[in-house]
Amino acid sequence: EKNQNAYFERVKNKLNYDGLREFAIKNLGDAAAYHNAPGDPNHDIYRDIHARCDTVLKELEDDTEAGAPLIVLAHSMGGHVFADHIWDRQHDQRLTTQRISSCNTIAALMTFGCNIPLFTFAYSFDQILCIANPGTDLPAVLQRQPWWLNFYDKDDVLGYPLENLGIGYKSLADAGGLKDRQINSGSWLSSWNPLSHSGYWRDADFVDEVADMVQSTLDRV
């Protein structure tokens, strides 16, 4: 972010559409920086991000009882990051197998303004796989269908539905594990344009869905 801001300060007012350019730099710049670069400590952002995820999950584990259900809210590229985090722990035996820090007590994943599709275009529909249900250590009463809710606004150019992304996502949706929900995100100033991407956090439709998810989970505990 520091590098993005510094660059934008150097070029703003020299080009047209400064507001749109800042939006693009900060969102597309994150995607460009998120990659593995073994041997280059300045660019191994992927490793650093997932180390931070591990730290936060382990802090949650310390603060809760064993097996406590976890509800994950992931906005924008955060949906891609956390899906990667779950995928790595489901496919790499070297990684931790402790409860929450192994992502095995996730009762619900709620993504919004999710741009996972933008990271998949090197692959065909039949090659695109998906994470499995991460709540395998939860009792049956806390396992739900769908366990992944994905919210998007039709005006949000960085938020997309996932059900038809690839064979893995379609299979998950067909089995009831994944559900896309279209909402109208943002205020009257932003709900009809790309700025809706930043409107989910304060949008009543989305907040009500989160509240319902939290309450229904608590009711089952």
Protein backbone atom coordinates (compact mmCIF):
# COMPACT_ATOMS: atom_id res chain seq x y z
CA GLU A 1 0.00 0.00 0.00
CA LYS A 2 2.85 2.38 0.83
CA ASN A 3 4.37 1.81 -2.61
CA GLN A 4 0.99 2.23 -4.31
CA ASN A 5 0.32 5.52 -2.53
CA ALA A 6 3.79 6.86 -3.28
CA TYR A 7 3.46 6.10 -6.98
CA PHE A 8 0.00 7.63 -7.21
CA GLU A 9 1.25 10.83 -5.58
CA ARG A 10 3.94 11.05 -8.26
CA VAL A 11 1.55 10.70 -11.20
CA LYS A 12 -1.76 12.19 -10.08
CA ASN A 13 -2.85 15.37 -11.85
CA LYS A 14 -0.69 14.34 -14.83
CA LEU A 15 -3.33 12.01 -16.25
CA ASN A 16 -7.08 11.94 -16.65
CA TYR A 17 -9.50 10.06 -14.35
CA ASP A 18 -7.36 10.30 -11.22
CA GLY A 19 -10.09 8.77 -9.06
CA LEU A 20 -10.52 5.76 -11.31
CA ARG A 21 -6.77 5.35 -11.67
CA GLU A 22 -6.29 5.35 -7.89
CA PHE A 23 -9.01 2.70 -7.61
CA ALA A 24 -7.24 0.58 -10.26
CA ILE A 25 -3.76 1.00 -8.78
CA LYS A 26 -4.84 -0.02 -5.31
CA ASN A 27 -6.93 -2.99 -6.38
CA LEU A 28 -5.03 -4.34 -9.38
CA GLY A 29 -1.72 -3.54 -7.70
CA ASP A 30 -2.61 -5.87 -4.83
CA ALA A 31 -3.33 -8.67 -7.28
CA ALA A 32 -0.05 -8.13 -9.11
CA ALA A 33 1.94 -8.21 -5.85
CA TYR A 34 0.28 -11.40 -4.60
CA HIS A 35 2.54 -14.12 -5.92
CA ASN A 36 5.23 -16.55 -4.89
CA ALA A 37 8.77 -15.45 -5.64
CA PRO A 38 11.18 -17.92 -3.99
CA GLY A 39 14.54 -16.38 -3.22
CA ASP A 40 13.35 -12.77 -3.47
CA PRO A 41 12.56 -11.50 0.06
CA ASN A 42 11.12 -8.25 -1.31
CA HIS A 43 8.42 -9.97 -3.31
CA ASP A 44 7.39 -13.10 -1.45
CA ILE A 45 4.13 -11.42 -0.50
CA TYR A 46 2.19 -14.70 -0.68
CA ARG A 47 4.24 -16.22 2.14
CA ASP A 48 4.00 -13.09 4.30
CA ILE A 49 0.23 -12.81 3.89
CA HIS A 50 -0.42 -16.43 4.82
CA ALA A 51 1.93 -16.19 7.79
CA ARG A 52 -0.23 -13.30 8.99
CA CYS A 53 -3.38 -15.41 8.47
CA ASP A 54 -1.78 -18.16 10.58
CA THR A 55 -0.98 -15.70 13.35
CA VAL A 56 -4.53 -14.36 13.54
CA LEU A 57 -6.10 -17.83 13.42
CA LYS A 58 -3.84 -19.06 16.22
CA GLU A 59 -4.75 -16.00 18.30
CA LEU A 60 -8.41 -16.91 17.80
CA GLU A 61 -7.64 -20.47 18.84
CA ASP A 62 -6.06 -19.22 22.07
CA ASP A 63 -9.11 -17.05 22.82
CA THR A 64 -11.79 -19.71 22.27
CA GLU A 65 -12.71 -23.17 23.42
CA ALA A 66 -11.49 -26.12 21.40
CA GLY A 67 -13.67 -26.68 18.36
CA ALA A 68 -15.30 -23.23 18.42
CA PRO A 69 -17.00 -22.51 15.08
CA LEU A 70 -15.36 -19.84 12.94
CA ILE A 71 -17.22 -17.53 10.55
CA VAL A 72 -14.93 -15.90 7.99
CA LEU A 73 -15.82 -12.62 6.25
CA ALA A 74 -13.58 -12.01 3.24
CA HIS A 75 -13.92 -8.90 1.06
CA SER A 76 -12.59 -8.45 -2.47
CA MET A 77 -9.19 -10.10 -2.93
CA GLY A 78 -9.48 -11.36 0.63
CA GLY A 79 -11.80 -14.05 -0.72
CA HIS A 80 -9.05 -15.30 -3.01
CA VAL A 81 -6.43 -15.09 -0.26
CA PHE A 82 -8.48 -17.04 2.26
CA ALA A 83 -9.54 -19.64 -0.30
CA ASP A 84 -5.83 -20.13 -1.00
CA HIS A 85 -5.20 -20.41 2.73
CA ILE A 86 -7.79 -23.17 3.06
CA TRP A 87 -6.60 -24.91 -0.13
CA ASP A 88 -2.99 -25.02 1.06
CA ARG A 89 -4.03 -26.57 4.36
CA GLN A 90 -6.18 -29.15 2.62
CA HIS A 91 -3.42 -30.18 0.20
CA ASP A 92 -0.09 -29.63 1.96
CA GLN A 93 0.61 -32.17 4.73
CA ARG A 94 3.48 -30.06 6.04
CA LEU A 95 1.11 -27.41 7.31
CA THR A 96 -0.45 -27.32 10.76
CA THR A 97 -3.27 -29.67 11.69
CA GLN A 98 -4.40 -27.84 14.81
CA ARG A 99 -8.08 -26.97 15.07
CA ILE A 100 -8.85 -23.39 13.98
CA SER A 101 -5.37 -22.76 12.62
CA SER A 102 -5.86 -25.71 10.25
CA CYS A 103 -9.16 -24.15 9.07
CA ASN A 104 -11.10 -27.28 10.03
CA THR A 105 -13.64 -25.52 12.24
CA ILE A 106 -14.98 -23.01 9.73
CA ALA A 107 -18.76 -23.04 9.99
CA ALA A 108 -19.27 -20.46 7.25
CA LEU A 109 -17.28 -18.55 4.64
CA MET A 110 -18.88 -15.28 3.51
CA THR A 111 -17.16 -13.61 0.55
CA PHE A 112 -18.29 -10.29 -0.90
CA GLY A 113 -17.00 -8.30 -3.85
CA CYS A 114 -15.00 -11.46 -4.53
CA ASN A 115 -12.64 -11.47 -7.51
CA ILE A 116 -11.41 -15.08 -7.50
CA PRO A 117 -12.33 -15.42 -11.21
CA LEU A 118 -9.68 -12.85 -12.17
CA PHE A 119 -6.97 -15.23 -10.92
CA THR A 120 -8.15 -18.28 -12.86
CA PHE A 121 -8.00 -17.38 -16.54
CA ALA A 122 -4.85 -19.41 -17.16
CA TYR A 123 -7.08 -22.48 -16.77
CA SER A 124 -10.06 -23.86 -18.65
CA PHE A 125 -13.43 -24.52 -17.02
CA ASP A 126 -12.64 -28.22 -16.53
CA GLN A 127 -9.32 -27.42 -14.81
CA ILE A 128 -10.62 -25.01 -12.15
CA LEU A 129 -11.02 -26.80 -8.82
CA CYS A 130 -12.40 -25.56 -5.52
CA ILE A 131 -11.77 -25.91 -1.80
CA ALA A 132 -13.64 -28.61 0.10
CA ASN A 133 -15.85 -27.98 3.12
CA PRO A 134 -13.43 -26.72 5.80
CA GLY A 135 -15.72 -27.54 8.73
CA THR A 136 -14.73 -31.19 9.03
CA ASP A 137 -13.90 -30.96 12.76
CA LEU A 138 -17.26 -29.41 13.66
CA PRO A 139 -20.12 -31.47 15.09
CA ALA A 140 -22.94 -32.21 12.66
CA VAL A 141 -25.22 -29.62 14.24
CA LEU A 142 -22.77 -26.84 13.27
CA GLN A 143 -22.28 -27.99 9.69
CA ARG A 144 -24.53 -26.15 7.28
CA GLN A 145 -25.52 -26.02 3.64
CA PRO A 146 -24.57 -23.78 2.01
CA TRP A 147 -21.40 -23.20 4.01
CA TRP A 148 -20.03 -20.70 1.44
CA LEU A 149 -22.14 -17.61 0.68
CA ASN A 150 -20.79 -15.30 -2.00
CA PHE A 151 -22.32 -11.81 -2.33
CA TYR A 152 -21.89 -9.60 -5.38
CA ASP A 153 -23.34 -6.42 -6.86
CA LYS A 154 -23.97 -6.33 -10.61
CA ASP A 155 -22.37 -2.86 -10.74
CA ASP A 156 -19.23 -3.98 -8.91
CA VAL A 157 -16.62 -4.65 -11.60
CA LEU A 158 -14.37 -6.38 -9.04
CA GLY A 159 -17.06 -8.65 -7.55
CA TYR A 160 -18.28 -11.79 -9.34
CA PRO A 161 -20.52 -14.82 -8.91
CA LEU A 162 -18.63 -18.08 -8.44
CA GLU A 163 -21.07 -20.90 -9.19
CA ASN A 164 -20.15 -21.09 -12.89
CA LEU A 165 -16.44 -20.32 -12.55
CA GLY A 166 -15.16 -23.88 -13.05
CA ILE A 167 -16.01 -27.52 -12.65
CA GLY A 168 -15.05 -27.53 -8.96
CA TYR A 169 -17.24 -24.55 -8.13
CA LYS A 170 -20.16 -25.89 -10.14
CA SER A 171 -19.92 -29.22 -8.35
CA LEU A 172 -19.86 -27.48 -4.98
CA ALA A 173 -22.88 -25.34 -5.91
CA ASP A 174 -24.79 -28.35 -7.26
CA ALA A 175 -24.14 -30.15 -3.96
CA GLY A 176 -25.51 -27.19 -2.00
CA GLY A 177 -22.23 -26.05 -0.48
CA LEU A 178 -21.88 -22.77 -2.42
CA LYS A 179 -24.52 -20.11 -3.03
CA ASP A 180 -24.18 -16.81 -4.91
CA ARG A 181 -26.38 -13.93 -3.77
CA GLN A 182 -26.77 -10.72 -5.73
CA ILE A 183 -27.35 -7.60 -3.61
CA ASN A 184 -27.34 -3.84 -4.23
CA SER A 185 -24.27 -2.67 -2.32
CA GLY A 186 -23.55 0.86 -1.21
CA SER A 187 -25.31 4.19 -0.81
CA TRP A 188 -27.29 6.12 -3.42
CA LEU A 189 -23.98 7.64 -4.51
CA SER A 190 -22.21 4.32 -5.06
CA SER A 191 -24.73 1.50 -5.48
CA TRP A 192 -25.10 2.07 -9.24
CA ASN A 193 -21.41 2.23 -10.19
CA PRO A 194 -18.04 0.51 -9.56
CA LEU A 195 -17.70 2.28 -6.19
CA SER A 196 -20.23 -0.27 -4.95
CA HIS A 197 -17.15 -2.47 -4.42
CA SER A 198 -16.43 -0.58 -1.20
CA GLY A 199 -20.02 -0.42 -0.02
CA TYR A 200 -20.66 -3.92 1.32
CA TRP A 201 -19.36 -3.34 4.84
CA ARG A 202 -22.06 -0.76 5.63
CA ASP A 203 -24.82 -2.11 3.40
CA ALA A 204 -27.92 -3.17 5.33
CA ASP A 205 -28.61 -6.15 3.04
CA PHE A 206 -25.17 -7.59 3.65
CA VAL A 207 -25.00 -6.71 7.36
CA ASP A 208 -28.36 -8.41 7.92
CA GLU A 209 -27.05 -11.58 6.25
CA VAL A 210 -23.97 -11.57 8.49
CA ALA A 211 -26.08 -11.00 11.60
CA ASP A 212 -28.37 -13.88 10.63
CA MET A 213 -25.37 -16.15 10.08
CA VAL A 214 -23.86 -15.28 13.46
CA GLN A 215 -27.15 -15.70 15.28
CA SER A 216 -28.03 -19.00 13.63
CA THR A 217 -24.57 -20.34 14.48
CA LEU A 218 -24.89 -19.25 18.10
CA ASP A 219 -28.31 -20.91 18.27
CA ARG A 220 -26.68 -24.21 17.32
CA VAL A 221 -23.80 -24.09 19.78
